[in-house]
Amino acid sequence: MPTVLAMTTRRLISSGSTFERQVGYSRAVVDGDWVHVSGTTGFDYGAMTICDDIVGQAEQCLKNIGAALEEAGCSFADVVRVRYMLPDPADFEPCWPVLHRYLGDVRPAATMLVCGLSDPRMRIEVEVTAHRLSPA
């Protein structure tokens, strides 16, 4: 019996961040029903500015991720996996109300990592994977 391979369309999504061009990556990659959103920081990518406040950075991270998800034809309700990366573990708990507002009802599988980030101004980075019920 012949094997039938499902054809998927890979689509790249950019936020317009200068980091994407300089490093060579996409904010998100849509591959069939899956949406992989790159690690996203609290930069306002339009202005290329970042606030000092951890809660403000968390809010901007999720706004940036929400924009990528929307462009991919899905929403936070489709998120199945989230990874939080922070240099200072003490910064995580102040972010919980923001994270809960976006993902509390979704309750994706989650991991929090303590690690260095590429710019000392960055205090949080968030990466998500979403699974759409049907391709956009």
N, C-alpha and C. Protein backbone atom coordinates (compact mmCIF):
# COMPACT_ATOMS: atom_id res chain seq x y z
N MET A 1 0.86 -1.18 0.00
CA MET A 1 0.00 0.00 0.00
C MET A 1 0.90 1.23 0.00
N PRO A 2 0.67 2.20 -0.91
CA PRO A 2 1.52 3.39 -0.97
C PRO A 2 1.30 4.29 0.24
N THR A 3 2.37 4.98 0.62
CA THR A 3 2.31 5.93 1.71
C THR A 3 1.85 7.27 1.17
N VAL A 4 0.90 7.89 1.83
CA VAL A 4 0.41 9.21 1.44
C VAL A 4 0.94 10.21 2.46
N LEU A 5 1.66 11.18 1.98
CA LEU A 5 2.20 12.22 2.85
C LEU A 5 1.30 13.44 2.80
N ALA A 6 0.97 13.95 3.95
CA ALA A 6 0.16 15.18 4.02
C ALA A 6 1.04 16.36 3.61
N MET A 7 0.52 17.19 2.76
CA MET A 7 1.24 18.38 2.32
C MET A 7 0.91 19.52 3.27
N THR A 8 1.92 20.15 3.81
CA THR A 8 1.71 21.29 4.68
C THR A 8 2.36 22.51 4.05
N THR A 9 1.82 23.64 4.39
CA THR A 9 2.37 24.90 3.92
C THR A 9 3.07 25.57 5.08
N ARG A 10 4.31 25.89 4.87
CA ARG A 10 5.08 26.57 5.91
C ARG A 10 5.02 28.06 5.63
N ARG A 11 4.64 28.83 6.64
CA ARG A 11 4.53 30.27 6.48
C ARG A 11 5.31 30.94 7.60
N LEU A 12 6.09 31.96 7.24
CA LEU A 12 6.90 32.69 8.20
C LEU A 12 6.21 33.99 8.57
N ILE A 13 6.24 34.32 9.86
CA ILE A 13 5.62 35.55 10.36
C ILE A 13 6.72 36.39 11.00
N SER A 14 6.74 37.67 10.66
CA SER A 14 7.72 38.60 11.23
C SER A 14 7.01 39.67 12.04
N SER A 15 7.65 40.10 13.11
CA SER A 15 7.12 41.21 13.91
C SER A 15 7.68 42.53 13.43
N GLY A 16 8.69 42.46 12.55
CA GLY A 16 9.38 43.67 12.12
C GLY A 16 10.58 43.99 13.00
N SER A 17 10.85 43.14 13.97
CA SER A 17 11.99 43.34 14.87
C SER A 17 13.30 43.31 14.09
N THR A 18 14.20 44.22 14.43
CA THR A 18 15.52 44.20 13.79
C THR A 18 16.28 42.93 14.17
N PHE A 19 15.97 42.34 15.33
CA PHE A 19 16.63 41.11 15.76
C PHE A 19 16.40 39.99 14.74
N GLU A 20 15.18 39.89 14.22
CA GLU A 20 14.86 38.82 13.27
C GLU A 20 15.75 38.90 12.03
N ARG A 21 15.93 40.09 11.51
CA ARG A 21 16.79 40.25 10.33
C ARG A 21 18.25 40.00 10.68
N GLN A 22 18.71 40.55 11.80
CA GLN A 22 20.12 40.45 12.17
C GLN A 22 20.53 39.01 12.49
N VAL A 23 19.68 38.28 13.19
CA VAL A 23 20.02 36.94 13.63
C VAL A 23 19.61 35.90 12.59
N GLY A 24 18.49 36.13 11.91
CA GLY A 24 18.01 35.21 10.88
C GLY A 24 16.98 34.23 11.42
N TYR A 25 15.87 34.75 11.95
CA TYR A 25 14.78 33.89 12.43
C TYR A 25 13.46 34.60 12.20
N SER A 26 12.37 33.89 12.43
CA SER A 26 11.03 34.44 12.30
C SER A 26 10.38 34.53 13.67
N ARG A 27 9.51 35.50 13.84
CA ARG A 27 8.76 35.60 15.10
C ARG A 27 7.94 34.34 15.30
N ALA A 28 7.36 33.84 14.20
CA ALA A 28 6.59 32.61 14.29
C ALA A 28 6.68 31.86 12.97
N VAL A 29 6.51 30.56 13.06
CA VAL A 29 6.45 29.70 11.88
C VAL A 29 5.16 28.90 11.97
N VAL A 30 4.35 29.01 10.92
CA VAL A 30 3.13 28.23 10.82
C VAL A 30 3.45 27.02 9.95
N ASP A 31 3.21 25.83 10.48
CA ASP A 31 3.47 24.60 9.75
C ASP A 31 2.24 23.71 9.91
N GLY A 32 1.38 23.76 8.90
CA GLY A 32 0.12 23.04 9.00
C GLY A 32 -0.73 23.62 10.11
N ASP A 33 -1.15 22.78 11.04
CA ASP A 33 -1.98 23.22 12.17
C ASP A 33 -1.17 23.74 13.34
N TRP A 34 0.16 23.65 13.24
CA TRP A 34 1.04 24.05 14.35
C TRP A 34 1.58 25.45 14.13
N VAL A 35 1.66 26.20 15.23
CA VAL A 35 2.25 27.54 15.20
C VAL A 35 3.32 27.58 16.29
N HIS A 36 4.56 27.84 15.87
CA HIS A 36 5.70 27.90 16.78
C HIS A 36 6.13 29.36 16.89
N VAL A 37 5.94 29.95 18.06
CA VAL A 37 6.30 31.35 18.27
C VAL A 37 7.65 31.38 18.98
N SER A 38 8.60 32.07 18.38
CA SER A 38 9.95 32.19 18.93
C SER A 38 9.93 32.83 20.31
N GLY A 39 11.02 32.64 21.03
CA GLY A 39 11.19 33.35 22.28
C GLY A 39 10.99 34.83 22.04
N THR A 40 10.08 35.42 22.79
CA THR A 40 9.65 36.80 22.57
C THR A 40 9.89 37.59 23.84
N THR A 41 10.51 38.74 23.69
CA THR A 41 10.84 39.57 24.85
C THR A 41 9.87 40.74 24.98
N GLY A 42 10.15 41.59 25.94
CA GLY A 42 9.30 42.74 26.23
C GLY A 42 9.59 43.97 25.40
N PHE A 43 10.32 43.80 24.29
CA PHE A 43 10.56 44.95 23.41
C PHE A 43 9.28 45.34 22.69
N ASP A 44 9.05 46.62 22.57
CA ASP A 44 8.06 47.15 21.64
C ASP A 44 8.79 47.16 20.31
N TYR A 45 8.50 46.21 19.44
CA TYR A 45 9.28 46.03 18.23
C TYR A 45 9.11 47.17 17.22
N GLY A 46 8.01 47.89 17.30
CA GLY A 46 7.83 49.04 16.42
C GLY A 46 8.80 50.16 16.75
N ALA A 47 8.97 50.43 18.03
CA ALA A 47 9.86 51.50 18.49
C ALA A 47 11.24 50.99 18.88
N MET A 48 11.36 49.66 19.02
CA MET A 48 12.60 49.02 19.50
C MET A 48 13.02 49.60 20.85
N THR A 49 12.01 49.71 21.74
CA THR A 49 12.26 50.17 23.11
C THR A 49 11.78 49.07 24.06
N ILE A 50 12.29 49.12 25.28
CA ILE A 50 11.89 48.16 26.30
C ILE A 50 11.83 48.89 27.64
N CYS A 51 10.79 48.62 28.43
CA CYS A 51 10.69 49.27 29.74
C CYS A 51 11.54 48.51 30.75
N ASP A 52 11.83 49.15 31.86
CA ASP A 52 12.64 48.53 32.91
C ASP A 52 11.83 47.58 33.79
N ASP A 53 10.54 47.80 33.88
CA ASP A 53 9.66 47.08 34.80
C ASP A 53 9.37 45.66 34.31
N ILE A 54 9.57 44.65 35.16
CA ILE A 54 9.36 43.26 34.79
C ILE A 54 7.91 42.99 34.40
N VAL A 55 6.95 43.56 35.12
CA VAL A 55 5.55 43.33 34.80
C VAL A 55 5.20 43.96 33.45
N GLY A 56 5.73 45.16 33.20
CA GLY A 56 5.53 45.79 31.90
C GLY A 56 6.14 44.98 30.77
N GLN A 57 7.31 44.41 31.03
CA GLN A 57 7.94 43.56 30.01
C GLN A 57 7.11 42.30 29.75
N ALA A 58 6.58 41.70 30.80
CA ALA A 58 5.75 40.50 30.63
C ALA A 58 4.51 40.84 29.80
N GLU A 59 3.90 41.97 30.10
CA GLU A 59 2.71 42.41 29.35
C GLU A 59 3.05 42.60 27.87
N GLN A 60 4.17 43.26 27.58
CA GLN A 60 4.57 43.50 26.19
C GLN A 60 4.92 42.19 25.50
N CYS A 61 5.57 41.26 26.20
CA CYS A 61 5.85 39.92 25.63
C CYS A 61 4.56 39.29 25.10
N LEU A 62 3.54 39.29 25.96
CA LEU A 62 2.31 38.61 25.59
C LEU A 62 1.55 39.37 24.51
N LYS A 63 1.65 40.68 24.49
CA LYS A 63 1.06 41.43 23.38
C LYS A 63 1.76 41.07 22.07
N ASN A 64 3.08 40.97 22.10
CA ASN A 64 3.84 40.59 20.90
C ASN A 64 3.46 39.19 20.44
N ILE A 65 3.35 38.27 21.38
CA ILE A 65 2.97 36.89 21.05
C ILE A 65 1.54 36.86 20.52
N GLY A 66 0.64 37.61 21.14
CA GLY A 66 -0.74 37.67 20.68
C GLY A 66 -0.85 38.15 19.24
N ALA A 67 -0.03 39.13 18.87
CA ALA A 67 -0.04 39.63 17.49
C ALA A 67 0.42 38.55 16.52
N ALA A 68 1.45 37.80 16.89
CA ALA A 68 1.93 36.71 16.03
C ALA A 68 0.88 35.61 15.91
N LEU A 69 0.26 35.25 17.03
CA LEU A 69 -0.78 34.23 16.99
C LEU A 69 -1.95 34.66 16.11
N GLU A 70 -2.35 35.92 16.24
CA GLU A 70 -3.45 36.43 15.42
C GLU A 70 -3.11 36.36 13.94
N GLU A 71 -1.89 36.77 13.59
CA GLU A 71 -1.48 36.71 12.19
C GLU A 71 -1.46 35.27 11.68
N ALA A 72 -1.21 34.33 12.59
CA ALA A 72 -1.18 32.91 12.23
C ALA A 72 -2.58 32.30 12.17
N GLY A 73 -3.59 33.08 12.54
CA GLY A 73 -4.96 32.58 12.48
C GLY A 73 -5.39 31.83 13.73
N CYS A 74 -4.78 32.13 14.87
CA CYS A 74 -5.19 31.49 16.11
C CYS A 74 -5.10 32.49 17.25
N SER A 75 -5.21 31.99 18.47
CA SER A 75 -5.21 32.87 19.64
C SER A 75 -4.55 32.16 20.81
N PHE A 76 -4.53 32.81 21.94
CA PHE A 76 -3.98 32.19 23.14
C PHE A 76 -4.75 30.91 23.50
N ALA A 77 -6.01 30.82 23.13
CA ALA A 77 -6.80 29.62 23.41
C ALA A 77 -6.22 28.38 22.73
N ASP A 78 -5.41 28.57 21.69
CA ASP A 78 -4.81 27.46 20.96
C ASP A 78 -3.43 27.05 21.50
N VAL A 79 -2.92 27.77 22.49
CA VAL A 79 -1.58 27.51 23.02
C VAL A 79 -1.58 26.20 23.81
N VAL A 80 -0.64 25.31 23.47
CA VAL A 80 -0.52 24.03 24.16
C VAL A 80 0.76 23.93 24.99
N ARG A 81 1.73 24.81 24.73
CA ARG A 81 3.01 24.77 25.43
C ARG A 81 3.53 26.18 25.59
N VAL A 82 4.05 26.51 26.78
CA VAL A 82 4.68 27.80 27.02
C VAL A 82 5.97 27.58 27.80
N ARG A 83 6.98 28.36 27.44
CA ARG A 83 8.25 28.35 28.17
C ARG A 83 8.56 29.78 28.59
N TYR A 84 8.82 29.95 29.87
CA TYR A 84 9.20 31.25 30.42
C TYR A 84 10.68 31.19 30.73
N MET A 85 11.42 32.20 30.31
CA MET A 85 12.86 32.27 30.57
C MET A 85 13.16 33.59 31.25
N LEU A 86 13.81 33.53 32.42
CA LEU A 86 14.13 34.73 33.17
C LEU A 86 15.52 34.61 33.77
N PRO A 87 16.29 35.69 33.76
CA PRO A 87 17.59 35.66 34.42
C PRO A 87 17.48 35.61 35.94
N ASP A 88 16.44 36.22 36.50
CA ASP A 88 16.27 36.31 37.95
C ASP A 88 14.98 35.59 38.35
N PRO A 89 15.07 34.46 39.04
CA PRO A 89 13.85 33.73 39.39
C PRO A 89 12.89 34.54 40.26
N ALA A 90 13.38 35.52 40.99
CA ALA A 90 12.51 36.36 41.82
C ALA A 90 11.57 37.21 40.98
N ASP A 91 11.90 37.41 39.71
CA ASP A 91 11.04 38.20 38.82
C ASP A 91 9.81 37.43 38.33
N PHE A 92 9.80 36.11 38.51
CA PHE A 92 8.70 35.31 37.94
C PHE A 92 7.37 35.57 38.64
N GLU A 93 7.35 35.51 39.94
CA GLU A 93 6.08 35.66 40.66
C GLU A 93 5.37 36.99 40.40
N PRO A 94 6.07 38.13 40.32
CA PRO A 94 5.36 39.37 40.00
C PRO A 94 4.66 39.33 38.63
N CYS A 95 5.09 38.45 37.73
CA CYS A 95 4.48 38.33 36.40
C CYS A 95 3.22 37.47 36.38
N TRP A 96 3.00 36.70 37.43
CA TRP A 96 1.91 35.73 37.42
C TRP A 96 0.55 36.33 37.07
N PRO A 97 0.15 37.49 37.61
CA PRO A 97 -1.16 38.02 37.23
C PRO A 97 -1.28 38.29 35.72
N VAL A 98 -0.22 38.79 35.10
CA VAL A 98 -0.24 39.04 33.65
C VAL A 98 -0.33 37.72 32.91
N LEU A 99 0.50 36.76 33.28
CA LEU A 99 0.51 35.47 32.60
C LEU A 99 -0.85 34.78 32.76
N HIS A 100 -1.43 34.88 33.95
CA HIS A 100 -2.73 34.27 34.19
C HIS A 100 -3.82 34.91 33.33
N ARG A 101 -3.75 36.22 33.15
CA ARG A 101 -4.76 36.91 32.36
C ARG A 101 -4.80 36.37 30.93
N TYR A 102 -3.65 36.05 30.36
CA TYR A 102 -3.57 35.56 28.98
C TYR A 102 -3.74 34.04 28.88
N LEU A 103 -3.24 33.30 29.86
CA LEU A 103 -3.16 31.84 29.73
C LEU A 103 -3.84 31.06 30.85
N GLY A 104 -4.38 31.75 31.84
CA GLY A 104 -4.95 31.07 33.00
C GLY A 104 -6.07 30.10 32.67
N ASP A 105 -6.95 30.46 31.74
CA ASP A 105 -8.04 29.56 31.36
C ASP A 105 -7.58 28.48 30.40
N VAL A 106 -6.48 28.71 29.71
CA VAL A 106 -5.95 27.77 28.71
C VAL A 106 -5.17 26.65 29.38
N ARG A 107 -4.38 27.03 30.37
CA ARG A 107 -3.57 26.10 31.16
C ARG A 107 -2.70 25.18 30.30
N PRO A 108 -1.82 25.78 29.46
CA PRO A 108 -0.93 24.95 28.64
C PRO A 108 0.14 24.28 29.49
N ALA A 109 0.79 23.29 28.93
CA ALA A 109 1.98 22.73 29.58
C ALA A 109 2.99 23.86 29.68
N ALA A 110 3.69 23.96 30.80
CA ALA A 110 4.55 25.12 31.02
C ALA A 110 5.86 24.74 31.69
N THR A 111 6.88 25.52 31.36
CA THR A 111 8.20 25.38 31.98
C THR A 111 8.75 26.77 32.24
N MET A 112 9.40 26.95 33.39
CA MET A 112 10.10 28.20 33.68
C MET A 112 11.57 27.86 33.83
N LEU A 113 12.40 28.55 33.05
CA LEU A 113 13.84 28.35 33.08
C LEU A 113 14.53 29.60 33.59
N VAL A 114 15.56 29.41 34.38
CA VAL A 114 16.40 30.53 34.80
C VAL A 114 17.64 30.47 33.91
N CYS A 115 17.85 31.54 33.16
CA CYS A 115 18.97 31.56 32.21
C CYS A 115 19.31 33.01 31.85
N GLY A 116 20.47 33.18 31.26
CA GLY A 116 20.84 34.50 30.76
C GLY A 116 20.09 34.79 29.47
N LEU A 117 19.80 36.06 29.24
CA LEU A 117 19.18 36.49 27.99
C LEU A 117 20.19 37.33 27.22
N SER A 118 19.94 37.55 25.95
CA SER A 118 20.96 38.14 25.07
C SER A 118 21.23 39.63 25.31
N ASP A 119 20.35 40.31 26.02
CA ASP A 119 20.51 41.74 26.28
C ASP A 119 20.22 41.95 27.77
N PRO A 120 21.08 42.63 28.50
CA PRO A 120 20.85 42.78 29.95
C PRO A 120 19.58 43.54 30.30
N ARG A 121 19.00 44.28 29.36
CA ARG A 121 17.73 44.98 29.62
C ARG A 121 16.55 44.01 29.64
N MET A 122 16.70 42.86 29.01
CA MET A 122 15.63 41.86 28.94
C MET A 122 15.52 41.13 30.27
N ARG A 123 14.30 41.10 30.82
CA ARG A 123 14.10 40.44 32.11
C ARG A 123 13.21 39.21 32.01
N ILE A 124 12.58 39.03 30.83
CA ILE A 124 11.74 37.84 30.60
C ILE A 124 11.68 37.59 29.09
N GLU A 125 11.62 36.32 28.75
CA GLU A 125 11.41 35.89 27.36
C GLU A 125 10.40 34.76 27.43
N VAL A 126 9.45 34.76 26.49
CA VAL A 126 8.37 33.77 26.50
C VAL A 126 8.28 33.15 25.11
N GLU A 127 8.16 31.83 25.08
CA GLU A 127 8.03 31.08 23.83
C GLU A 127 6.77 30.24 23.93
N VAL A 128 5.96 30.20 22.86
CA VAL A 128 4.76 29.36 22.89
C VAL A 128 4.66 28.51 21.64
N THR A 129 3.94 27.41 21.79
CA THR A 129 3.55 26.55 20.67
C THR A 129 2.04 26.45 20.73
N ALA A 130 1.41 26.65 19.58
CA ALA A 130 -0.05 26.57 19.50
C ALA A 130 -0.44 25.53 18.46
N HIS A 131 -1.61 24.94 18.65
CA HIS A 131 -2.15 23.98 17.70
C HIS A 131 -3.54 24.45 17.31
N ARG A 132 -3.68 24.82 16.04
CA ARG A 132 -4.97 25.31 15.56
C ARG A 132 -5.88 24.13 15.26
N LEU A 133 -7.17 24.33 15.46
CA LEU A 133 -8.12 23.27 15.14
C LEU A 133 -8.24 23.09 13.64
N SER A 134 -8.07 24.17 12.88
CA SER A 134 -8.05 24.06 11.42
C SER A 134 -7.16 25.14 10.86
N PRO A 135 -6.41 24.86 9.78
CA PRO A 135 -5.49 25.85 9.22
C PRO A 135 -6.21 27.10 8.75
N ALA A 136 -5.53 28.23 8.92
CA ALA A 136 -6.12 29.52 8.47
C ALA A 136 -5.85 29.71 6.99
